[in-house]
């Protein structure tokens, strides 16, 4: 009888243990559920971060599409899309005016000064008048023009190695090949005093030197 009583106590103990075991698992499951909430919060945080990233990407895309302040750099003028002409002027004496007009559909820049080759036998380009250097590079919108003044010979006759030439080739920065330009009257007298100015935004300034 005592053994039976002991067995009952044992069974009761096992039953209590069995009952407490599921309860313990249920509680553990509760913790898991709590963890699930935490995971849900993590998903919300991830979603928020993704949303922020999407907004930033949209802003970047808008800037690339032209909504931002960034712009494409302006390239050199293409000599094949630039009309170049030269004309005589009344004043100053022994001067000519070179004109370059942007015929491209986009803005372009004329850097430095034009390279001039007077006559087929010319060994070097006409030197530049350094005093004429502008403060900024000349930029041309479509249809706009820039100018360069050309001194063909010394006004006082002090130039040497002078003679008439019947051809002129013009080079511009950024283009390898020159463009032949028709001389007014078909020829011009050039001597060692010949010089060219930097590109200028107006004709009057170009003829200052």
N, C-alpha and C. Protein backbone atom coordinates (compact mmCIF):
# COMPACT_ATOMS: atom_id res chain seq x y z
N UNK A 1 0.83 -1.20 0.00
CA UNK A 1 0.00 0.00 0.00
C UNK A 1 0.85 1.24 0.00
N UNK A 2 1.88 1.14 0.80
CA UNK A 2 2.76 2.30 0.80
C UNK A 2 3.41 2.49 -0.54
N UNK A 3 3.75 1.29 -1.19
CA UNK A 3 4.35 1.41 -2.52
C UNK A 3 3.38 2.04 -3.50
N UNK A 4 2.05 1.56 -3.32
CA UNK A 4 1.04 2.16 -4.20
C UNK A 4 0.95 3.63 -3.96
N UNK A 5 0.98 4.00 -2.68
CA UNK A 5 0.93 5.44 -2.40
C UNK A 5 2.11 6.14 -2.96
N UNK A 6 3.27 5.51 -2.87
CA UNK A 6 4.46 6.15 -3.44
C UNK A 6 4.33 6.28 -4.94
N UNK A 7 3.73 5.19 -5.56
CA UNK A 7 3.56 5.25 -7.02
C UNK A 7 2.65 6.36 -7.40
N UNK A 8 1.57 6.57 -6.56
CA UNK A 8 0.67 7.68 -6.88
C UNK A 8 1.38 9.01 -6.79
N UNK A 9 2.22 9.10 -5.76
CA UNK A 9 2.96 10.36 -5.64
C UNK A 9 3.86 10.57 -6.83
N UNK A 10 4.47 9.44 -7.27
CA UNK A 10 5.34 9.55 -8.44
C UNK A 10 4.56 9.98 -9.66
N UNK A 11 3.39 9.33 -9.87
CA UNK A 11 2.58 9.67 -11.04
C UNK A 11 2.10 11.11 -10.98
N UNK A 12 1.74 11.50 -9.73
CA UNK A 12 1.30 12.89 -9.58
C UNK A 12 2.43 13.85 -9.90
N UNK A 13 3.62 13.44 -9.44
CA UNK A 13 4.78 14.29 -9.75
C UNK A 13 5.04 14.37 -11.22
N UNK A 14 4.90 13.19 -11.92
CA UNK A 14 5.12 13.18 -13.36
C UNK A 14 4.05 14.01 -14.07
N UNK A 15 2.80 13.86 -13.57
CA UNK A 15 1.72 14.63 -14.18
C UNK A 15 1.96 16.12 -14.05
N UNK A 16 2.37 16.49 -12.82
CA UNK A 16 2.67 17.91 -12.62
C UNK A 16 3.79 18.39 -13.54
N UNK A 17 4.79 17.45 -13.64
CA UNK A 17 5.90 17.80 -14.54
C UNK A 17 5.43 17.94 -15.96
N UNK A 18 4.53 16.98 -16.37
CA UNK A 18 4.02 17.01 -17.74
C UNK A 18 3.19 18.25 -17.97
N UNK A 19 2.40 18.60 -16.96
CA UNK A 19 1.55 19.79 -17.11
C UNK A 19 2.37 21.07 -17.18
N UNK A 20 3.41 21.07 -16.33
CA UNK A 20 4.24 22.27 -16.32
C UNK A 20 5.08 22.40 -17.57
N UNK A 21 5.43 21.28 -18.21
CA UNK A 21 6.27 21.32 -19.42
C UNK A 21 5.58 22.03 -20.56
N UNK A 22 4.31 21.67 -20.90
CA UNK A 22 3.64 22.41 -21.98
C UNK A 22 3.47 23.87 -21.65
N UNK A 23 3.17 24.11 -20.38
CA UNK A 23 3.00 25.52 -20.00
C UNK A 23 4.27 26.30 -20.24
N UNK A 24 5.36 25.64 -19.95
CA UNK A 24 6.65 26.29 -20.16
C UNK A 24 6.89 26.57 -21.63
N UNK A 25 6.49 25.59 -22.49
CA UNK A 25 6.65 25.78 -23.93
C UNK A 25 5.75 26.90 -24.43
N UNK A 26 4.52 26.93 -23.84
CA UNK A 26 3.61 28.00 -24.25
C UNK A 26 4.19 29.35 -23.93
N UNK A 27 4.78 29.45 -22.75
CA UNK A 27 5.40 30.71 -22.37
C UNK A 27 6.54 31.05 -23.31
N UNK A 28 7.30 29.99 -23.62
CA UNK A 28 8.39 30.21 -24.56
C UNK A 28 7.87 30.70 -25.91
N UNK A 29 6.72 30.07 -26.27
CA UNK A 29 6.09 30.52 -27.51
C UNK A 29 5.69 31.96 -27.42
N UNK A 30 5.27 32.38 -26.24
CA UNK A 30 4.95 33.79 -26.07
C UNK A 30 6.14 34.66 -26.31
N UNK A 31 7.27 34.23 -25.84
CA UNK A 31 8.49 34.98 -26.11
C UNK A 31 8.78 35.04 -27.60
N UNK A 32 8.52 33.86 -28.26
CA UNK A 32 8.74 33.84 -29.70
C UNK A 32 7.83 34.85 -30.38
N UNK A 33 6.57 34.89 -29.90
CA UNK A 33 5.65 35.85 -30.49
C UNK A 33 6.13 37.27 -30.28
N UNK A 34 6.66 37.49 -29.07
CA UNK A 34 7.22 38.82 -28.80
C UNK A 34 8.36 39.12 -29.76
N UNK A 35 9.17 38.06 -29.97
CA UNK A 35 10.26 38.20 -30.93
C UNK A 35 9.73 38.49 -32.31
N UNK A 36 8.57 37.85 -32.63
CA UNK A 36 7.94 38.13 -33.91
C UNK A 36 7.59 39.58 -34.05
N UNK A 37 7.10 40.17 -32.94
CA UNK A 37 6.81 41.59 -32.98
C UNK A 37 8.06 42.39 -33.24
N UNK A 38 9.13 41.95 -32.57
CA UNK A 38 10.40 42.63 -32.80
C UNK A 38 10.81 42.54 -34.25
N UNK A 39 10.61 41.32 -34.84
CA UNK A 39 10.96 41.15 -36.25
C UNK A 39 10.11 42.04 -37.13
N UNK A 40 8.84 42.17 -36.73
CA UNK A 40 7.96 43.04 -37.50
C UNK A 40 8.45 44.47 -37.46
N UNK A 41 8.93 44.86 -36.25
CA UNK A 41 9.49 46.20 -36.12
C UNK A 41 10.71 46.36 -36.99
N UNK A 42 11.50 45.30 -37.09
CA UNK A 42 12.68 45.34 -37.95
C UNK A 42 12.30 45.53 -39.39
N UNK A 43 11.18 44.83 -39.79
CA UNK A 43 10.72 44.99 -41.16
C UNK A 43 10.27 46.42 -41.42
N UNK A 44 9.59 46.99 -40.42
CA UNK A 44 9.15 48.37 -40.57
C UNK A 44 10.34 49.32 -40.73
N UNK A 45 11.38 49.08 -39.92
CA UNK A 45 12.58 49.91 -40.03
C UNK A 45 13.22 49.76 -41.40
N UNK A 46 13.27 48.50 -41.87
CA UNK A 46 13.88 48.25 -43.18
C UNK A 46 13.07 48.93 -44.27
N UNK A 47 11.72 48.85 -44.12
CA UNK A 47 10.85 49.50 -45.11
C UNK A 47 11.06 51.01 -45.11
N UNK A 48 11.20 51.58 -43.90
CA UNK A 48 11.44 53.01 -43.80
C UNK A 48 12.75 53.41 -44.43
N UNK A 49 13.79 52.60 -44.19
CA UNK A 49 15.10 52.90 -44.78
C UNK A 49 15.04 52.83 -46.29
N UNK A 50 14.31 51.80 -46.79
CA UNK A 50 14.18 51.65 -48.24
C UNK A 50 13.43 52.84 -48.83
N UNK A 51 12.41 53.31 -48.08
CA UNK A 51 11.66 54.48 -48.55
C UNK A 51 12.53 55.70 -48.63
N UNK A 52 13.36 55.91 -47.61
CA UNK A 52 14.28 57.05 -47.63
C UNK A 52 15.23 56.96 -48.80
N UNK A 53 15.74 55.74 -49.03
CA UNK A 53 16.68 55.55 -50.15
C UNK A 53 15.99 55.85 -51.46
N UNK A 54 14.69 55.45 -51.56
CA UNK A 54 13.94 55.72 -52.78
C UNK A 54 13.78 57.20 -53.04
N UNK A 55 13.54 57.96 -51.97
CA UNK A 55 13.41 59.42 -52.11
C UNK A 55 14.72 60.03 -52.59
N UNK A 56 15.85 59.56 -51.98
CA UNK A 56 17.15 60.08 -52.39
C UNK A 56 17.43 59.75 -53.85
N UNK A 57 17.10 58.51 -54.27
CA UNK A 57 17.31 58.11 -55.66
C UNK A 57 16.48 58.97 -56.59
N UNK A 58 15.24 59.26 -56.17
CA UNK A 58 14.37 60.09 -57.00
C UNK A 58 14.93 61.49 -57.17
N UNK A 59 15.49 62.04 -56.06
CA UNK A 59 16.11 63.36 -56.14
C UNK A 59 17.30 63.35 -57.07
N UNK A 60 18.11 62.29 -56.97
CA UNK A 60 19.29 62.19 -57.84
C UNK A 60 18.87 62.09 -59.28
N UNK A 61 17.80 61.29 -59.54
CA UNK A 61 17.33 61.13 -60.90
C UNK A 61 16.79 62.43 -61.45
N UNK A 62 16.13 63.20 -60.60
CA UNK A 62 15.59 64.49 -61.02
C UNK A 62 16.70 65.44 -61.39
N UNK A 63 17.81 65.40 -60.63
CA UNK A 63 18.94 66.27 -60.94
C UNK A 63 19.56 65.88 -62.27
N UNK A 64 19.66 64.56 -62.51
CA UNK A 64 20.24 64.10 -63.77
C UNK A 64 19.35 64.48 -64.94
N UNK A 65 18.02 64.54 -64.69
CA UNK A 65 17.08 64.85 -65.75
C UNK A 65 16.98 66.34 -66.02
N UNK A 66 17.71 67.13 -65.25
CA UNK A 66 17.70 68.57 -65.48
C UNK A 66 17.03 69.33 -64.35
N UNK A 67 16.56 68.61 -63.34
CA UNK A 67 15.92 69.29 -62.24
C UNK A 67 16.91 69.87 -61.27
N UNK A 68 18.16 69.45 -61.35
CA UNK A 68 19.17 69.95 -60.41
C UNK A 68 19.96 71.09 -61.00
N UNK A 69 20.98 71.50 -60.29
CA UNK A 69 21.77 72.64 -60.72
C UNK A 69 22.95 72.23 -61.60
N UNK A 70 23.20 70.93 -61.70
CA UNK A 70 24.35 70.48 -62.48
C UNK A 70 24.05 70.64 -63.97
N UNK A 71 25.06 70.95 -64.76
CA UNK A 71 24.89 71.10 -66.20
C UNK A 71 26.11 70.53 -66.91
N UNK A 72 25.91 70.20 -68.17
CA UNK A 72 26.99 69.63 -68.96
C UNK A 72 28.05 70.70 -69.24
N UNK A 73 29.32 70.32 -69.22
CA UNK A 73 30.36 71.30 -69.53
C UNK A 73 30.29 71.74 -70.98
N UNK A 74 30.67 72.99 -71.24
CA UNK A 74 30.64 73.53 -72.60
C UNK A 74 31.92 73.13 -73.32
N UNK A 75 31.77 72.56 -74.50
CA UNK A 75 32.92 72.10 -75.26
C UNK A 75 33.48 73.16 -76.19
N UNK A 76 34.63 72.85 -76.78
CA UNK A 76 35.24 73.77 -77.75
C UNK A 76 34.39 73.85 -79.01
N UNK A 77 34.43 74.99 -79.66
CA UNK A 77 33.72 75.14 -80.93
C UNK A 77 34.35 74.23 -81.98
N UNK A 78 33.50 73.62 -82.78
CA UNK A 78 33.95 72.76 -83.88
C UNK A 78 34.16 73.64 -85.11
N UNK A 79 35.35 73.59 -85.66
CA UNK A 79 35.66 74.46 -86.80
C UNK A 79 34.76 74.18 -88.00
N UNK A 80 34.27 72.93 -88.09
CA UNK A 80 33.37 72.58 -89.19
C UNK A 80 31.95 73.10 -88.97
N UNK A 81 31.67 73.57 -87.75
CA UNK A 81 30.36 74.14 -87.44
C UNK A 81 30.51 75.61 -87.03
N UNK A 82 31.61 76.21 -87.48
CA UNK A 82 31.88 77.61 -87.18
C UNK A 82 32.14 78.36 -88.48
N UNK A 83 31.36 79.40 -88.73
CA UNK A 83 31.57 80.22 -89.93
C UNK A 83 32.64 81.26 -89.61
N UNK A 84 33.68 81.32 -90.46
CA UNK A 84 34.79 82.23 -90.23
C UNK A 84 34.99 83.13 -91.45
N UNK A 85 35.10 84.42 -91.20
CA UNK A 85 35.31 85.37 -92.29
C UNK A 85 36.27 86.46 -91.83
N UNK A 86 36.84 87.18 -92.78
CA UNK A 86 37.76 88.27 -92.46
C UNK A 86 37.42 89.46 -93.35
N UNK A 87 37.55 90.66 -92.81
CA UNK A 87 37.23 91.86 -93.58
C UNK A 87 38.21 92.98 -93.27
N UNK A 88 38.36 93.89 -94.23
CA UNK A 88 39.18 95.07 -94.01
C UNK A 88 38.43 96.08 -93.13
N UNK A 89 39.18 96.90 -92.43
CA UNK A 89 38.58 97.97 -91.62
C UNK A 89 39.28 99.28 -91.95
N UNK A 90 38.57 100.39 -91.80
CA UNK A 90 39.15 101.70 -92.08
C UNK A 90 40.13 102.13 -90.99
N UNK A 91 39.80 101.74 -89.76
CA UNK A 91 40.65 102.13 -88.63
C UNK A 91 40.64 101.03 -87.59
N UNK A 92 41.82 100.75 -87.03
CA UNK A 92 43.13 101.35 -87.33
C UNK A 92 43.67 100.88 -88.69
N UNK A 93 44.66 101.60 -89.18
CA UNK A 93 45.24 101.26 -90.48
C UNK A 93 45.99 99.94 -90.38
N UNK A 94 46.10 99.29 -91.53
CA UNK A 94 46.81 98.00 -91.62
C UNK A 94 46.22 96.95 -90.67
N UNK A 95 44.91 97.01 -90.51
CA UNK A 95 44.22 96.03 -89.67
C UNK A 95 43.11 95.33 -90.45
N UNK A 96 42.80 94.13 -89.99
CA UNK A 96 41.66 93.37 -90.50
C UNK A 96 40.90 92.81 -89.30
N UNK A 97 39.65 92.45 -89.52
CA UNK A 97 38.81 91.91 -88.45
C UNK A 97 38.39 90.49 -88.80
N UNK A 98 38.71 89.57 -87.92
CA UNK A 98 38.33 88.17 -88.10
C UNK A 98 37.07 87.92 -87.28
N UNK A 99 36.11 87.25 -87.89
CA UNK A 99 34.82 86.98 -87.23
C UNK A 99 34.53 85.49 -87.26
N UNK A 100 34.12 84.93 -86.11
CA UNK A 100 33.77 83.51 -86.02
C UNK A 100 32.36 83.40 -85.43
N UNK A 101 31.46 82.71 -86.14
CA UNK A 101 30.07 82.58 -85.71
C UNK A 101 29.73 81.12 -85.44
N UNK A 102 29.13 80.87 -84.29
CA UNK A 102 28.75 79.52 -83.90
C UNK A 102 27.53 79.06 -84.69
N UNK A 103 27.71 78.06 -85.54
CA UNK A 103 26.62 77.52 -86.35
C UNK A 103 26.10 76.19 -85.80
N UNK A 104 26.63 75.77 -84.66
CA UNK A 104 26.16 74.53 -84.05
C UNK A 104 24.88 74.81 -83.26
N UNK A 105 24.21 73.76 -82.87
CA UNK A 105 22.97 73.92 -82.12
C UNK A 105 23.16 74.02 -80.62
N UNK A 106 24.40 74.06 -80.17
CA UNK A 106 24.68 74.12 -78.74
C UNK A 106 25.73 75.19 -78.47
N UNK A 107 25.83 75.58 -77.21
CA UNK A 107 26.86 76.54 -76.82
C UNK A 107 28.25 75.94 -77.02
N UNK A 108 29.22 76.78 -77.33
CA UNK A 108 30.61 76.32 -77.44
C UNK A 108 31.54 77.44 -77.01
N UNK A 109 32.79 77.12 -76.81
CA UNK A 109 33.75 78.13 -76.36
C UNK A 109 34.92 78.24 -77.33
N UNK A 110 35.42 79.46 -77.48
CA UNK A 110 36.61 79.73 -78.29
C UNK A 110 37.74 80.05 -77.32
N UNK A 111 38.65 79.12 -77.19
CA UNK A 111 39.73 79.25 -76.21
C UNK A 111 40.93 79.95 -76.85
N UNK A 112 41.52 80.88 -76.11
CA UNK A 112 42.76 81.50 -76.57
C UNK A 112 42.57 82.42 -77.76
N UNK A 113 43.34 82.17 -78.80
CA UNK A 113 43.32 83.04 -79.98
C UNK A 113 43.38 82.18 -81.23
N UNK A 114 42.97 82.73 -82.38
CA UNK A 114 43.02 81.95 -83.62
C UNK A 114 44.45 81.80 -84.12
N UNK A 115 44.73 80.66 -84.66
CA UNK A 115 46.02 80.46 -85.33
C UNK A 115 45.89 80.89 -86.78
N UNK A 116 46.77 81.75 -87.24
CA UNK A 116 46.70 82.27 -88.61
C UNK A 116 47.91 81.84 -89.41
N UNK A 117 47.66 81.40 -90.63
CA UNK A 117 48.74 81.07 -91.55
C UNK A 117 48.52 81.87 -92.84
N UNK A 118 49.30 82.95 -92.98
CA UNK A 118 49.20 83.79 -94.17
C UNK A 118 50.12 83.25 -95.26
N UNK A 119 49.55 82.83 -96.37
CA UNK A 119 50.35 82.36 -97.50
C UNK A 119 50.77 80.91 -97.35
N UNK A 120 50.93 80.26 -98.48
CA UNK A 120 51.29 78.85 -98.49
C UNK A 120 52.70 78.61 -97.99
N UNK A 121 53.56 79.62 -98.06
CA UNK A 121 54.96 79.45 -97.67
C UNK A 121 55.23 79.80 -96.20
N UNK A 122 54.21 80.17 -95.47
CA UNK A 122 54.40 80.56 -94.06
C UNK A 122 54.98 79.41 -93.25
N UNK A 123 56.02 79.70 -92.48
CA UNK A 123 56.68 78.68 -91.67
C UNK A 123 56.14 78.62 -90.24
N UNK A 124 55.47 79.68 -89.81
CA UNK A 124 54.96 79.73 -88.44
C UNK A 124 53.66 80.52 -88.41
N UNK A 125 52.88 80.27 -87.36
CA UNK A 125 51.62 81.00 -87.20
C UNK A 125 51.90 82.44 -86.78
N UNK A 126 50.98 83.32 -87.09
CA UNK A 126 51.10 84.72 -86.69
C UNK A 126 51.10 84.82 -85.17
N UNK A 127 52.07 85.53 -84.57
CA UNK A 127 52.13 85.63 -83.11
C UNK A 127 50.95 86.39 -82.53
N UNK A 128 50.66 86.14 -81.26
CA UNK A 128 49.53 86.78 -80.59
C UNK A 128 49.98 88.04 -79.85
N UNK A 129 49.09 88.99 -79.75
CA UNK A 129 49.32 90.18 -78.94
C UNK A 129 48.90 89.84 -77.50
N UNK A 130 49.85 89.62 -76.64
CA UNK A 130 49.56 89.17 -75.27
C UNK A 130 48.77 90.21 -74.47
N UNK A 131 48.89 91.47 -74.84
CA UNK A 131 48.16 92.52 -74.11
C UNK A 131 46.64 92.40 -74.30
N UNK A 132 46.23 91.62 -75.28
CA UNK A 132 44.79 91.53 -75.59
C UNK A 132 44.09 90.38 -74.88
N UNK A 133 44.79 89.69 -74.00
CA UNK A 133 44.20 88.52 -73.34
C UNK A 133 43.01 88.93 -72.47
N UNK A 134 41.83 88.34 -72.70
CA UNK A 134 40.64 88.70 -71.91
C UNK A 134 40.65 88.02 -70.54
N UNK A 135 39.75 88.45 -69.68
CA UNK A 135 39.68 87.88 -68.34
C UNK A 135 39.01 86.52 -68.32
N UNK A 136 38.20 86.23 -69.33
CA UNK A 136 37.48 84.95 -69.36
C UNK A 136 37.44 84.41 -70.78
N UNK A 137 37.26 83.11 -70.88
CA UNK A 137 37.14 82.46 -72.18
C UNK A 137 35.83 82.89 -72.83
N UNK A 138 35.86 83.11 -74.13
CA UNK A 138 34.67 83.54 -74.86
C UNK A 138 33.76 82.34 -75.11
N UNK A 139 32.51 82.45 -74.66
CA UNK A 139 31.51 81.40 -74.88
C UNK A 139 30.44 81.92 -75.83
N UNK A 140 30.10 81.10 -76.83
CA UNK A 140 29.14 81.51 -77.84
C UNK A 140 27.89 80.64 -77.80
N UNK A 141 26.73 81.27 -77.72
CA UNK A 141 25.47 80.56 -77.90
C UNK A 141 25.28 80.38 -79.41
N UNK A 142 24.38 79.49 -79.82
CA UNK A 142 24.14 79.32 -81.25
C UNK A 142 23.80 80.65 -81.93
N UNK A 143 24.52 80.97 -82.99
CA UNK A 143 24.28 82.21 -83.73
C UNK A 143 25.12 83.39 -83.27
N UNK A 144 25.77 83.29 -82.13
CA UNK A 144 26.60 84.39 -81.63
C UNK A 144 27.99 84.36 -82.27
N UNK A 145 28.66 85.53 -82.24
CA UNK A 145 29.97 85.66 -82.89
C UNK A 145 31.03 86.17 -81.93
N UNK A 146 32.27 85.82 -82.24
CA UNK A 146 33.44 86.34 -81.53
C UNK A 146 34.36 86.97 -82.56
N UNK A 147 35.29 87.81 -82.09
CA UNK A 147 36.12 88.58 -83.01
C UNK A 147 37.58 88.56 -82.58
N UNK A 148 38.45 88.71 -83.57
CA UNK A 148 39.88 88.86 -83.30
C UNK A 148 40.42 89.91 -84.26
N UNK A 149 41.21 90.83 -83.73
CA UNK A 149 41.82 91.86 -84.56
C UNK A 149 43.15 91.38 -85.13
N UNK A 150 43.41 91.70 -86.38
CA UNK A 150 44.65 91.29 -87.04
C UNK A 150 45.43 92.53 -87.48
N UNK A 151 46.65 92.64 -87.00
CA UNK A 151 47.57 93.66 -87.52
C UNK A 151 48.34 93.01 -88.65
N UNK A 152 48.21 93.53 -89.85
CA UNK A 152 48.86 92.89 -91.00
C UNK A 152 50.29 93.36 -91.22
N UNK A 153 50.56 94.61 -90.88
CA UNK A 153 51.91 95.15 -91.08
C UNK A 153 52.10 96.40 -90.23
N UNK A 154 53.35 96.81 -90.08
CA UNK A 154 53.66 97.99 -89.26
C UNK A 154 53.18 99.26 -89.96
N UNK A 155 52.48 100.11 -89.21
CA UNK A 155 51.94 101.34 -89.79
C UNK A 155 53.03 102.31 -90.21
N UNK A 156 54.18 102.26 -89.51
CA UNK A 156 55.28 103.19 -89.82
C UNK A 156 56.28 102.61 -90.80
N UNK A 157 55.97 101.43 -91.33
CA UNK A 157 56.86 100.82 -92.32
C UNK A 157 58.09 100.17 -91.74
N UNK A 158 58.12 99.98 -90.42
CA UNK A 158 59.31 99.41 -89.79
C UNK A 158 59.39 97.88 -89.90
N UNK A 159 58.33 97.27 -90.39
CA UNK A 159 58.34 95.81 -90.52
C UNK A 159 59.27 95.35 -91.62
N UNK A 160 59.75 94.13 -91.50
CA UNK A 160 60.65 93.56 -92.51
C UNK A 160 60.02 92.29 -93.08
N UNK A 161 60.69 91.78 -94.10
CA UNK A 161 60.25 90.54 -94.75
C UNK A 161 58.78 90.62 -95.16
N UNK A 162 58.41 91.77 -95.72
CA UNK A 162 57.02 91.96 -96.13
C UNK A 162 56.77 91.48 -97.54
N UNK A 163 55.51 91.21 -97.81
CA UNK A 163 55.12 90.80 -99.15
C UNK A 163 53.63 90.48 -99.20
N UNK A 164 53.11 90.40 -100.40
CA UNK A 164 51.69 90.08 -100.57
C UNK A 164 51.47 88.57 -100.50
N UNK A 165 50.39 88.22 -99.82
CA UNK A 165 50.00 86.80 -99.76
C UNK A 165 48.56 86.70 -100.26
N UNK A 166 48.23 85.56 -100.84
CA UNK A 166 46.90 85.41 -101.43
C UNK A 166 46.06 84.32 -100.77
N UNK A 167 46.49 83.87 -99.59
CA UNK A 167 45.70 82.85 -98.90
C UNK A 167 45.81 83.02 -97.38
N UNK A 168 44.78 82.56 -96.70
CA UNK A 168 44.75 82.59 -95.23
C UNK A 168 44.07 81.33 -94.71
N UNK A 169 44.75 80.67 -93.81
CA UNK A 169 44.16 79.51 -93.13
C UNK A 169 44.03 79.84 -91.65
N UNK A 170 42.89 79.47 -91.07
CA UNK A 170 42.61 79.77 -89.66
C UNK A 170 42.45 78.47 -88.87
N UNK A 171 43.13 78.41 -87.75
CA UNK A 171 43.01 77.29 -86.82
C UNK A 171 42.30 77.79 -85.56
N UNK A 172 41.48 76.94 -84.94
CA UNK A 172 40.90 77.28 -83.64
C UNK A 172 41.20 76.15 -82.67
N UNK A 173 41.28 76.50 -81.41
CA UNK A 173 41.61 75.53 -80.38
C UNK A 173 40.56 74.42 -80.34
N UNK A 174 41.04 73.17 -80.26
CA UNK A 174 40.14 72.03 -80.20
C UNK A 174 39.91 71.36 -81.54
N UNK A 175 40.35 71.98 -82.64
CA UNK A 175 40.22 71.39 -83.98
C UNK A 175 41.60 71.29 -84.62
N UNK A 176 41.89 70.13 -85.19
CA UNK A 176 43.22 69.91 -85.77
C UNK A 176 43.36 70.54 -87.15
N UNK A 177 42.32 70.46 -87.94
CA UNK A 177 42.41 70.95 -89.32
C UNK A 177 42.06 72.43 -89.40
N UNK A 178 42.74 73.16 -90.29
CA UNK A 178 42.44 74.59 -90.47
C UNK A 178 41.26 74.79 -91.41
N UNK A 179 40.77 76.02 -91.45
CA UNK A 179 39.72 76.37 -92.40
C UNK A 179 40.25 77.49 -93.29
N UNK A 180 40.23 77.30 -94.62
CA UNK A 180 40.66 78.37 -95.52
C UNK A 180 39.64 79.51 -95.51
N UNK A 181 40.14 80.73 -95.45
CA UNK A 181 39.27 81.91 -95.41
C UNK A 181 39.64 82.83 -96.56
N UNK A 182 38.65 83.28 -97.29
CA UNK A 182 38.90 84.15 -98.45
C UNK A 182 39.31 85.54 -98.00
N UNK A 183 40.40 86.04 -98.57
CA UNK A 183 40.89 87.38 -98.26
C UNK A 183 40.13 88.42 -99.08
N UNK A 184 39.74 89.53 -98.48
CA UNK A 184 39.09 90.59 -99.25
C UNK A 184 40.04 91.15 -100.31
N UNK A 185 39.58 91.21 -101.53
CA UNK A 185 40.43 91.68 -102.63
C UNK A 185 41.37 90.60 -103.14
N UNK A 186 41.37 89.44 -102.51
CA UNK A 186 42.18 88.32 -102.99
C UNK A 186 43.58 88.26 -102.43
N UNK A 187 44.08 89.34 -101.81
CA UNK A 187 45.43 89.32 -101.25
C UNK A 187 45.58 90.41 -100.19
N UNK A 188 46.68 90.33 -99.42
CA UNK A 188 46.95 91.32 -98.39
C UNK A 188 48.46 91.40 -98.18
N UNK A 189 48.94 92.58 -97.82
CA UNK A 189 50.37 92.76 -97.54
C UNK A 189 50.62 92.44 -96.07
N UNK A 190 51.59 91.56 -95.82
CA UNK A 190 51.92 91.12 -94.46
C UNK A 190 53.43 91.24 -94.25
N UNK A 191 53.84 91.75 -93.08
CA UNK A 191 55.27 91.77 -92.77
C UNK A 191 55.51 91.23 -91.35
N UNK A 192 56.70 91.44 -90.83
CA UNK A 192 57.10 90.87 -89.55
C UNK A 192 56.34 91.44 -88.35
N UNK A 193 55.61 92.53 -88.56
CA UNK A 193 54.85 93.15 -87.47
C UNK A 193 53.45 92.53 -87.31
N UNK A 194 53.14 91.58 -88.15
CA UNK A 194 51.80 90.96 -88.10
C UNK A 194 51.55 90.31 -86.74
N UNK A 195 50.35 90.56 -86.22
CA UNK A 195 49.93 89.96 -84.94
C UNK A 195 48.42 89.75 -84.95
N UNK A 196 47.95 88.92 -84.03
CA UNK A 196 46.52 88.67 -83.89
C UNK A 196 46.15 88.77 -82.40
N UNK A 197 44.95 89.22 -82.12
CA UNK A 197 44.51 89.31 -80.73
C UNK A 197 43.86 88.00 -80.28
N UNK A 198 43.66 87.91 -78.99
CA UNK A 198 42.83 86.83 -78.44
C UNK A 198 41.39 87.04 -78.92
N UNK A 199 40.60 85.99 -78.84
CA UNK A 199 39.18 86.12 -79.17
C UNK A 199 38.51 87.11 -78.21
N UNK A 200 37.68 87.97 -78.78
CA UNK A 200 36.95 88.97 -78.00
C UNK A 200 35.45 88.85 -78.27
N UNK A 201 34.64 89.37 -77.35
CA UNK A 201 33.20 89.27 -77.51
C UNK A 201 32.61 90.34 -78.43
N UNK A 202 33.39 91.39 -78.75
CA UNK A 202 32.87 92.42 -79.65
C UNK A 202 33.99 92.94 -80.55
N UNK A 203 33.58 93.46 -81.69
CA UNK A 203 34.54 93.91 -82.70
C UNK A 203 35.35 95.11 -82.24
N UNK A 204 34.72 96.02 -81.54
CA UNK A 204 35.43 97.23 -81.10
C UNK A 204 36.61 96.89 -80.20
N UNK A 205 36.39 95.96 -79.28
CA UNK A 205 37.49 95.55 -78.39
C UNK A 205 38.59 94.86 -79.18
N UNK A 206 38.20 94.05 -80.15
CA UNK A 206 39.19 93.31 -80.94
C UNK A 206 40.10 94.24 -81.73
N UNK A 207 39.62 95.44 -82.06
CA UNK A 207 40.41 96.39 -82.85
C UNK A 207 41.11 97.43 -81.99
N UNK A 208 41.13 97.21 -80.68
CA UNK A 208 41.78 98.15 -79.77
C UNK A 208 43.29 98.14 -79.93
N UNK A 209 43.85 96.99 -80.29
CA UNK A 209 45.31 96.86 -80.35
C UNK A 209 45.83 96.95 -81.78
